[in-house]
Amino acid sequence: MNVFSSLETTAEISVTFAGFISIFMVLARRDESLALEIAALIRFILLGSMACLFLAALPLVAGGIGLTGTALWRLASSLGLAAGLGMGIFSSRQRRDLRDREVTAFTRLAWVLISAVGLSFLANIIGWPLSPNGGVYLAGVWLGLAIPSVNLVDLVFRFALKPPAA
């Protein structure tokens, strides 16, 4: 399996996450308004899956217009780093709003993954340890896809551990 087919599969998984969380949001809001933590998790999952869709599709589109090799992976990694910084800023603002709320191990793991995504894209931009390549880029995108996955698990545990309404 080459990098481009792996990126296509990653884009499909990202769309699946976005679709699932959208259906979940509609069904969850049907009965009651969502708590601030739940709404934030839904935003993180939706934003993370859309960012991964963008990052997975970017090399496919850039490769389609003739950009290849080192230039393709350096450009894609630069845009991935910018998207990661944007997600980090957005999530830090959300986290500040949730300061008084419970911060779970899943939240901390998501922050670690955001940092790992940024470092992998930065390593690919500067060409360390290899010249910019698709494998390092794909690893960064997969790390990015792990962020909505972790938040989804957090969301499931929050609902599973929620006491039943009287």
N, C-alpha and C. Protein backbone atom coordinates (compact mmCIF):
# COMPACT_ATOMS: atom_id res chain seq x y z
N MET A 1 0.85 -1.17 0.00
CA MET A 1 0.00 0.00 0.00
C MET A 1 0.90 1.23 0.00
N ASN A 2 0.69 2.13 -0.95
CA ASN A 2 1.53 3.31 -1.00
C ASN A 2 0.93 4.43 -0.15
N VAL A 3 1.68 5.51 -0.02
CA VAL A 3 1.28 6.62 0.85
C VAL A 3 -0.03 7.24 0.39
N PHE A 4 -0.20 7.39 -0.92
CA PHE A 4 -1.41 8.06 -1.41
C PHE A 4 -2.67 7.24 -1.15
N SER A 5 -2.60 5.92 -1.30
CA SER A 5 -3.79 5.11 -0.99
C SER A 5 -4.06 5.11 0.52
N SER A 6 -3.01 5.19 1.32
CA SER A 6 -3.19 5.30 2.77
C SER A 6 -3.83 6.63 3.13
N LEU A 7 -3.45 7.70 2.43
CA LEU A 7 -4.07 9.00 2.68
C LEU A 7 -5.55 8.99 2.27
N GLU A 8 -5.89 8.29 1.19
CA GLU A 8 -7.29 8.18 0.80
C GLU A 8 -8.10 7.47 1.88
N THR A 9 -7.56 6.39 2.40
CA THR A 9 -8.24 5.65 3.47
C THR A 9 -8.38 6.51 4.72
N THR A 10 -7.35 7.28 5.03
CA THR A 10 -7.40 8.17 6.19
C THR A 10 -8.48 9.23 6.00
N ALA A 11 -8.60 9.77 4.79
CA ALA A 11 -9.65 10.75 4.51
C ALA A 11 -11.03 10.14 4.70
N GLU A 12 -11.20 8.89 4.27
CA GLU A 12 -12.49 8.22 4.44
C GLU A 12 -12.82 8.01 5.92
N ILE A 13 -11.82 7.65 6.71
CA ILE A 13 -12.03 7.47 8.14
C ILE A 13 -12.39 8.81 8.78
N SER A 14 -11.75 9.87 8.35
CA SER A 14 -12.04 11.20 8.89
C SER A 14 -13.47 11.62 8.62
N VAL A 15 -13.95 11.35 7.41
CA VAL A 15 -15.33 11.66 7.07
C VAL A 15 -16.29 10.83 7.92
N THR A 16 -15.92 9.58 8.18
CA THR A 16 -16.75 8.72 9.01
C THR A 16 -16.86 9.28 10.43
N PHE A 17 -15.75 9.74 10.99
CA PHE A 17 -15.78 10.36 12.31
C PHE A 17 -16.70 11.57 12.32
N ALA A 18 -16.56 12.43 11.34
CA ALA A 18 -17.38 13.64 11.28
C ALA A 18 -18.86 13.29 11.15
N GLY A 19 -19.18 12.31 10.32
CA GLY A 19 -20.56 11.90 10.17
C GLY A 19 -21.12 11.29 11.44
N PHE A 20 -20.33 10.44 12.07
CA PHE A 20 -20.79 9.80 13.30
C PHE A 20 -21.05 10.83 14.38
N ILE A 21 -20.12 11.75 14.57
CA ILE A 21 -20.29 12.72 15.66
C ILE A 21 -21.44 13.67 15.35
N SER A 22 -21.70 13.95 14.08
CA SER A 22 -22.83 14.80 13.73
C SER A 22 -24.15 14.11 14.08
N ILE A 23 -24.25 12.81 13.77
CA ILE A 23 -25.46 12.06 14.13
C ILE A 23 -25.59 11.99 15.65
N PHE A 24 -24.49 11.74 16.34
CA PHE A 24 -24.50 11.68 17.79
C PHE A 24 -24.99 13.01 18.37
N MET A 25 -24.50 14.11 17.83
CA MET A 25 -24.87 15.43 18.34
C MET A 25 -26.37 15.67 18.18
N VAL A 26 -26.91 15.31 17.04
CA VAL A 26 -28.34 15.50 16.80
C VAL A 26 -29.15 14.65 17.79
N LEU A 27 -28.77 13.40 17.97
CA LEU A 27 -29.51 12.53 18.88
C LEU A 27 -29.34 12.95 20.34
N ALA A 28 -28.16 13.39 20.72
CA ALA A 28 -27.92 13.78 22.11
C ALA A 28 -28.66 15.07 22.46
N ARG A 29 -28.77 15.98 21.52
CA ARG A 29 -29.45 17.25 21.79
C ARG A 29 -30.96 17.10 21.75
N ARG A 30 -31.44 16.00 21.24
CA ARG A 30 -32.88 15.79 21.12
C ARG A 30 -33.54 15.80 22.50
N ASP A 31 -32.89 15.18 23.46
CA ASP A 31 -33.48 15.04 24.79
C ASP A 31 -33.18 16.21 25.73
N GLU A 32 -32.01 16.76 25.62
CA GLU A 32 -31.59 17.79 26.56
C GLU A 32 -30.48 18.63 25.96
N SER A 33 -30.19 19.75 26.61
CA SER A 33 -29.05 20.53 26.15
C SER A 33 -27.77 19.84 26.64
N LEU A 34 -26.72 20.03 25.89
CA LEU A 34 -25.47 19.35 26.21
C LEU A 34 -24.68 20.13 27.25
N ALA A 35 -24.02 19.40 28.12
CA ALA A 35 -23.13 20.03 29.08
C ALA A 35 -21.95 20.65 28.34
N LEU A 36 -21.33 21.61 28.99
CA LEU A 36 -20.22 22.33 28.37
C LEU A 36 -19.08 21.39 27.96
N GLU A 37 -18.76 20.40 28.80
CA GLU A 37 -17.68 19.47 28.48
C GLU A 37 -18.03 18.61 27.26
N ILE A 38 -19.27 18.18 27.19
CA ILE A 38 -19.71 17.33 26.07
C ILE A 38 -19.69 18.13 24.78
N ALA A 39 -20.18 19.36 24.83
CA ALA A 39 -20.17 20.21 23.64
C ALA A 39 -18.74 20.47 23.17
N ALA A 40 -17.82 20.66 24.11
CA ALA A 40 -16.42 20.88 23.74
C ALA A 40 -15.83 19.63 23.10
N LEU A 41 -16.12 18.47 23.65
CA LEU A 41 -15.62 17.23 23.06
C LEU A 41 -16.15 17.03 21.65
N ILE A 42 -17.42 17.34 21.45
CA ILE A 42 -18.00 17.22 20.10
C ILE A 42 -17.29 18.16 19.14
N ARG A 43 -17.01 19.38 19.59
CA ARG A 43 -16.27 20.33 18.73
C ARG A 43 -14.88 19.82 18.41
N PHE A 44 -14.19 19.25 19.41
CA PHE A 44 -12.85 18.73 19.18
C PHE A 44 -12.86 17.58 18.18
N ILE A 45 -13.84 16.69 18.31
CA ILE A 45 -13.93 15.55 17.40
C ILE A 45 -14.23 16.03 15.99
N LEU A 46 -15.18 16.95 15.86
CA LEU A 46 -15.53 17.46 14.54
C LEU A 46 -14.38 18.23 13.91
N LEU A 47 -13.75 19.10 14.69
CA LEU A 47 -12.62 19.87 14.18
C LEU A 47 -11.45 18.97 13.83
N GLY A 48 -11.14 18.01 14.69
CA GLY A 48 -10.03 17.09 14.43
C GLY A 48 -10.25 16.23 13.20
N SER A 49 -11.47 15.75 13.03
CA SER A 49 -11.73 14.91 11.86
C SER A 49 -11.71 15.73 10.58
N MET A 50 -12.20 16.96 10.62
CA MET A 50 -12.16 17.81 9.43
C MET A 50 -10.71 18.23 9.10
N ALA A 51 -9.90 18.47 10.14
CA ALA A 51 -8.50 18.81 9.91
C ALA A 51 -7.77 17.62 9.29
N CYS A 52 -8.05 16.41 9.76
CA CYS A 52 -7.41 15.22 9.17
C CYS A 52 -7.87 14.99 7.74
N LEU A 53 -9.14 15.26 7.46
CA LEU A 53 -9.63 15.16 6.09
C LEU A 53 -8.87 16.12 5.19
N PHE A 54 -8.71 17.35 5.64
CA PHE A 54 -7.97 18.36 4.88
C PHE A 54 -6.52 17.93 4.68
N LEU A 55 -5.88 17.46 5.74
CA LEU A 55 -4.48 17.08 5.66
C LEU A 55 -4.27 15.83 4.80
N ALA A 56 -5.24 14.91 4.81
CA ALA A 56 -5.12 13.71 3.99
C ALA A 56 -5.36 14.04 2.51
N ALA A 57 -6.27 14.97 2.25
CA ALA A 57 -6.58 15.32 0.86
C ALA A 57 -5.55 16.26 0.24
N LEU A 58 -4.85 17.02 1.06
CA LEU A 58 -3.91 18.02 0.54
C LEU A 58 -2.84 17.45 -0.38
N PRO A 59 -2.11 16.39 0.01
CA PRO A 59 -1.11 15.85 -0.92
C PRO A 59 -1.74 15.22 -2.17
N LEU A 60 -2.95 14.70 -2.02
CA LEU A 60 -3.62 14.12 -3.19
C LEU A 60 -3.93 15.20 -4.22
N VAL A 61 -4.40 16.34 -3.74
CA VAL A 61 -4.71 17.45 -4.65
C VAL A 61 -3.41 18.06 -5.20
N ALA A 62 -2.44 18.29 -4.32
CA ALA A 62 -1.18 18.89 -4.76
C ALA A 62 -0.45 17.97 -5.73
N GLY A 63 -0.51 16.67 -5.51
CA GLY A 63 0.09 15.72 -6.44
C GLY A 63 -0.63 15.71 -7.77
N GLY A 64 -1.94 15.96 -7.73
CA GLY A 64 -2.73 16.00 -8.96
C GLY A 64 -2.41 17.19 -9.84
N ILE A 65 -1.89 18.26 -9.24
CA ILE A 65 -1.54 19.44 -10.05
C ILE A 65 -0.07 19.45 -10.44
N GLY A 66 0.63 18.36 -10.12
CA GLY A 66 2.01 18.22 -10.60
C GLY A 66 3.10 18.44 -9.57
N LEU A 67 2.76 18.78 -8.34
CA LEU A 67 3.78 18.97 -7.31
C LEU A 67 4.19 17.58 -6.80
N THR A 68 5.48 17.31 -6.79
CA THR A 68 5.95 15.99 -6.38
C THR A 68 7.17 16.10 -5.48
N GLY A 69 7.52 14.97 -4.89
CA GLY A 69 8.77 14.85 -4.14
C GLY A 69 8.84 15.69 -2.89
N THR A 70 10.02 16.18 -2.63
CA THR A 70 10.31 16.93 -1.42
C THR A 70 9.43 18.17 -1.29
N ALA A 71 9.20 18.87 -2.39
CA ALA A 71 8.37 20.08 -2.35
C ALA A 71 6.95 19.77 -1.89
N LEU A 72 6.40 18.66 -2.36
CA LEU A 72 5.04 18.26 -1.98
C LEU A 72 4.96 18.00 -0.48
N TRP A 73 5.89 17.22 0.05
CA TRP A 73 5.81 16.85 1.46
C TRP A 73 6.17 18.02 2.36
N ARG A 74 7.07 18.88 1.92
CA ARG A 74 7.41 20.06 2.72
C ARG A 74 6.21 21.01 2.78
N LEU A 75 5.55 21.25 1.65
CA LEU A 75 4.37 22.12 1.62
C LEU A 75 3.25 21.54 2.47
N ALA A 76 2.96 20.25 2.28
CA ALA A 76 1.89 19.62 3.04
C ALA A 76 2.19 19.65 4.54
N SER A 77 3.43 19.40 4.91
CA SER A 77 3.81 19.43 6.33
C SER A 77 3.71 20.84 6.90
N SER A 78 4.06 21.84 6.11
CA SER A 78 3.94 23.24 6.56
C SER A 78 2.48 23.59 6.83
N LEU A 79 1.60 23.21 5.92
CA LEU A 79 0.18 23.47 6.13
C LEU A 79 -0.36 22.63 7.28
N GLY A 80 0.15 21.43 7.44
CA GLY A 80 -0.25 20.59 8.56
C GLY A 80 0.18 21.20 9.90
N LEU A 81 1.38 21.75 9.94
CA LEU A 81 1.85 22.41 11.16
C LEU A 81 0.98 23.63 11.47
N ALA A 82 0.64 24.40 10.44
CA ALA A 82 -0.22 25.56 10.65
C ALA A 82 -1.60 25.13 11.16
N ALA A 83 -2.14 24.06 10.58
CA ALA A 83 -3.45 23.55 11.04
C ALA A 83 -3.35 23.06 12.48
N GLY A 84 -2.24 22.40 12.82
CA GLY A 84 -2.04 21.93 14.19
C GLY A 84 -1.94 23.07 15.18
N LEU A 85 -1.24 24.13 14.79
CA LEU A 85 -1.15 25.30 15.68
C LEU A 85 -2.53 25.92 15.87
N GLY A 86 -3.29 25.98 14.78
CA GLY A 86 -4.65 26.51 14.89
C GLY A 86 -5.51 25.68 15.82
N MET A 87 -5.40 24.35 15.69
CA MET A 87 -6.15 23.47 16.58
C MET A 87 -5.70 23.63 18.03
N GLY A 88 -4.40 23.79 18.22
CA GLY A 88 -3.89 23.98 19.57
C GLY A 88 -4.41 25.25 20.21
N ILE A 89 -4.45 26.33 19.43
CA ILE A 89 -4.98 27.60 19.94
C ILE A 89 -6.46 27.47 20.24
N PHE A 90 -7.21 26.85 19.33
CA PHE A 90 -8.64 26.66 19.55
C PHE A 90 -8.90 25.82 20.79
N SER A 91 -8.17 24.72 20.92
CA SER A 91 -8.41 23.83 22.05
C SER A 91 -7.94 24.46 23.37
N SER A 92 -6.91 25.31 23.32
CA SER A 92 -6.49 25.97 24.56
C SER A 92 -7.53 26.97 25.01
N ARG A 93 -8.19 27.64 24.06
CA ARG A 93 -9.28 28.54 24.44
C ARG A 93 -10.44 27.76 25.02
N GLN A 94 -10.76 26.62 24.41
CA GLN A 94 -11.84 25.79 24.94
C GLN A 94 -11.47 25.25 26.31
N ARG A 95 -10.22 24.87 26.47
CA ARG A 95 -9.79 24.31 27.75
C ARG A 95 -9.84 25.38 28.84
N ARG A 96 -9.55 26.62 28.48
CA ARG A 96 -9.63 27.70 29.46
C ARG A 96 -11.08 27.86 29.94
N ASP A 97 -12.04 27.70 29.01
CA ASP A 97 -13.45 27.76 29.38
C ASP A 97 -13.84 26.60 30.27
N LEU A 98 -13.14 25.50 30.15
CA LEU A 98 -13.44 24.29 30.92
C LEU A 98 -12.57 24.18 32.17
N ARG A 99 -11.89 25.25 32.53
CA ARG A 99 -10.91 25.21 33.61
C ARG A 99 -11.48 24.62 34.90
N ASP A 100 -12.72 24.96 35.21
CA ASP A 100 -13.30 24.49 36.46
C ASP A 100 -13.90 23.10 36.33
N ARG A 101 -13.91 22.58 35.12
CA ARG A 101 -14.51 21.27 34.88
C ARG A 101 -13.46 20.18 35.03
N GLU A 102 -13.93 18.96 34.95
CA GLU A 102 -13.04 17.81 35.09
C GLU A 102 -12.16 17.66 33.84
N VAL A 103 -10.86 17.54 34.05
CA VAL A 103 -9.92 17.26 32.97
C VAL A 103 -9.50 15.80 33.12
N THR A 104 -9.83 15.00 32.12
CA THR A 104 -9.57 13.56 32.20
C THR A 104 -8.20 13.22 31.61
N ALA A 105 -7.84 11.97 31.80
CA ALA A 105 -6.60 11.47 31.20
C ALA A 105 -6.70 11.52 29.68
N PHE A 106 -7.90 11.36 29.15
CA PHE A 106 -8.09 11.44 27.71
C PHE A 106 -7.79 12.85 27.19
N THR A 107 -8.17 13.85 27.95
CA THR A 107 -7.88 15.23 27.57
C THR A 107 -6.38 15.46 27.53
N ARG A 108 -5.69 14.97 28.53
CA ARG A 108 -4.24 15.11 28.56
C ARG A 108 -3.58 14.36 27.41
N LEU A 109 -4.09 13.17 27.09
CA LEU A 109 -3.55 12.39 25.98
C LEU A 109 -3.77 13.13 24.66
N ALA A 110 -4.92 13.76 24.50
CA ALA A 110 -5.19 14.54 23.28
C ALA A 110 -4.18 15.68 23.14
N TRP A 111 -3.84 16.33 24.25
CA TRP A 111 -2.84 17.40 24.20
C TRP A 111 -1.46 16.86 23.81
N VAL A 112 -1.11 15.71 24.32
CA VAL A 112 0.17 15.08 23.94
C VAL A 112 0.17 14.76 22.45
N LEU A 113 -0.96 14.25 21.94
CA LEU A 113 -1.05 13.93 20.52
C LEU A 113 -0.96 15.17 19.65
N ILE A 114 -1.57 16.27 20.07
CA ILE A 114 -1.45 17.52 19.31
C ILE A 114 0.01 17.93 19.22
N SER A 115 0.74 17.80 20.31
CA SER A 115 2.17 18.13 20.30
C SER A 115 2.95 17.19 19.39
N ALA A 116 2.61 15.91 19.43
CA ALA A 116 3.31 14.94 18.58
C ALA A 116 3.05 15.20 17.10
N VAL A 117 1.84 15.60 16.76
CA VAL A 117 1.52 15.95 15.37
C VAL A 117 2.39 17.12 14.92
N GLY A 118 2.44 18.15 15.74
CA GLY A 118 3.25 19.31 15.41
C GLY A 118 4.72 18.97 15.23
N LEU A 119 5.24 18.13 16.12
CA LEU A 119 6.65 17.73 16.02
C LEU A 119 6.92 16.89 14.78
N SER A 120 5.99 16.01 14.42
CA SER A 120 6.22 15.19 13.22
C SER A 120 6.21 16.05 11.96
N PHE A 121 5.28 17.01 11.89
CA PHE A 121 5.26 17.89 10.73
C PHE A 121 6.49 18.80 10.69
N LEU A 122 6.91 19.28 11.85
CA LEU A 122 8.11 20.12 11.91
C LEU A 122 9.34 19.32 11.49
N ALA A 123 9.44 18.07 11.93
CA ALA A 123 10.57 17.21 11.53
C ALA A 123 10.55 16.99 10.02
N ASN A 124 9.38 16.85 9.43
CA ASN A 124 9.29 16.64 7.99
C ASN A 124 9.63 17.92 7.22
N ILE A 125 9.31 19.07 7.78
CA ILE A 125 9.64 20.33 7.11
C ILE A 125 11.14 20.53 7.04
N ILE A 126 11.82 20.28 8.17
CA ILE A 126 13.27 20.51 8.19
C ILE A 126 14.05 19.32 7.65
N GLY A 127 13.34 18.20 7.42
CA GLY A 127 13.99 17.04 6.82
C GLY A 127 14.79 16.21 7.79
N TRP A 128 14.31 16.10 9.03
CA TRP A 128 15.01 15.30 10.01
C TRP A 128 14.17 14.10 10.36
N PRO A 129 14.64 12.92 10.45
CA PRO A 129 15.99 12.43 10.21
C PRO A 129 16.23 12.13 8.74
N LEU A 130 15.19 12.13 7.92
CA LEU A 130 15.32 11.89 6.48
C LEU A 130 14.87 13.14 5.75
N SER A 131 15.05 13.17 4.45
CA SER A 131 14.50 14.29 3.71
C SER A 131 12.97 14.21 3.79
N PRO A 132 12.27 15.34 3.58
CA PRO A 132 10.81 15.30 3.68
C PRO A 132 10.23 14.18 2.82
N ASN A 133 9.37 13.36 3.43
CA ASN A 133 8.81 12.23 2.70
C ASN A 133 7.39 11.95 3.15
N GLY A 134 6.72 11.11 2.38
CA GLY A 134 5.33 10.79 2.63
C GLY A 134 5.09 9.97 3.88
N GLY A 135 6.05 9.13 4.24
CA GLY A 135 5.88 8.29 5.43
C GLY A 135 5.78 9.10 6.70
N VAL A 136 6.64 10.09 6.85
CA VAL A 136 6.61 10.93 8.04
C VAL A 136 5.33 11.77 8.04
N TYR A 137 4.94 12.26 6.87
CA TYR A 137 3.71 13.03 6.76
C TYR A 137 2.51 12.17 7.14
N LEU A 138 2.45 10.96 6.62
CA LEU A 138 1.35 10.05 6.93
C LEU A 138 1.30 9.75 8.43
N ALA A 139 2.45 9.58 9.05
CA ALA A 139 2.49 9.35 10.50
C ALA A 139 1.89 10.53 11.25
N GLY A 140 2.20 11.75 10.80
CA GLY A 140 1.62 12.94 11.42
C GLY A 140 0.12 13.01 11.26
N VAL A 141 -0.37 12.64 10.08
CA VAL A 141 -1.81 12.65 9.85
C VAL A 141 -2.49 11.59 10.72
N TRP A 142 -1.88 10.41 10.84
CA TRP A 142 -2.45 9.36 11.68
C TRP A 142 -2.44 9.76 13.15
N LEU A 143 -1.38 10.43 13.58
CA LEU A 143 -1.38 10.96 14.95
C LEU A 143 -2.51 11.97 15.12
N GLY A 144 -2.73 12.78 14.08
CA GLY A 144 -3.83 13.74 14.12
C GLY A 144 -5.18 13.05 14.18
N LEU A 145 -5.31 11.93 13.50
CA LEU A 145 -6.57 11.18 13.53
C LEU A 145 -6.79 10.52 14.89
N ALA A 146 -5.71 10.30 15.61
CA ALA A 146 -5.85 9.73 16.95
C ALA A 146 -6.49 10.73 17.92
N ILE A 147 -6.40 12.03 17.64
CA ILE A 147 -6.98 13.04 18.53
C ILE A 147 -8.50 12.92 18.60
N PRO A 148 -9.22 12.93 17.46
CA PRO A 148 -10.67 12.73 17.60
C PRO A 148 -11.02 11.34 18.13
N SER A 149 -10.18 10.35 17.88
CA SER A 149 -10.43 9.01 18.43
C SER A 149 -10.40 9.03 19.95
N VAL A 150 -9.39 9.67 20.50
CA VAL A 150 -9.26 9.75 21.96
C VAL A 150 -10.43 10.55 22.54
N ASN A 151 -10.80 11.64 21.87
CA ASN A 151 -11.92 12.43 22.36
C ASN A 151 -13.24 11.66 22.26
N LEU A 152 -13.37 10.82 21.24
CA LEU A 152 -14.57 9.99 21.12
C LEU A 152 -14.64 8.99 22.26
N VAL A 153 -13.53 8.37 22.61
CA VAL A 153 -13.50 7.45 23.74
C VAL A 153 -13.86 8.19 25.03
N ASP A 154 -13.33 9.40 25.20
CA ASP A 154 -13.66 10.22 26.36
C ASP A 154 -15.17 10.50 26.40
N LEU A 155 -15.73 10.83 25.27
CA LEU A 155 -17.17 11.11 25.18
C LEU A 155 -17.99 9.88 25.54
N VAL A 156 -17.60 8.73 25.04
CA VAL A 156 -18.32 7.49 25.34
C VAL A 156 -18.24 7.18 26.84
N PHE A 157 -17.07 7.35 27.44
CA PHE A 157 -16.94 7.09 28.87
C PHE A 157 -17.76 8.08 29.69
N ARG A 158 -17.80 9.32 29.28
CA ARG A 158 -18.60 10.31 30.01
C ARG A 158 -20.09 9.94 29.98
N PHE A 159 -20.56 9.48 28.83
CA PHE A 159 -21.96 9.08 28.74
C PHE A 159 -22.20 7.75 29.44
N ALA A 160 -21.25 6.84 29.38
CA ALA A 160 -21.42 5.54 30.00
C ALA A 160 -21.41 5.66 31.54
N LEU A 161 -20.64 6.59 32.06
CA LEU A 161 -20.53 6.74 33.50
C LEU A 161 -21.52 7.75 34.06
N LYS A 162 -22.32 8.36 33.20
CA LYS A 162 -23.29 9.36 33.63
C LYS A 162 -24.43 8.66 34.36
N PRO A 163 -24.80 9.15 35.55
CA PRO A 163 -25.90 8.50 36.27
C PRO A 163 -27.21 8.68 35.50
N PRO A 164 -28.06 7.68 35.54
CA PRO A 164 -29.33 7.77 34.80
C PRO A 164 -30.20 8.89 35.36
N ALA A 165 -30.96 9.52 34.46
CA ALA A 165 -31.85 10.61 34.88
C ALA A 165 -33.03 10.01 35.65
N ALA A 166 -33.44 10.72 36.67
CA ALA A 166 -34.54 10.21 37.50
C ALA A 166 -35.88 10.50 36.89
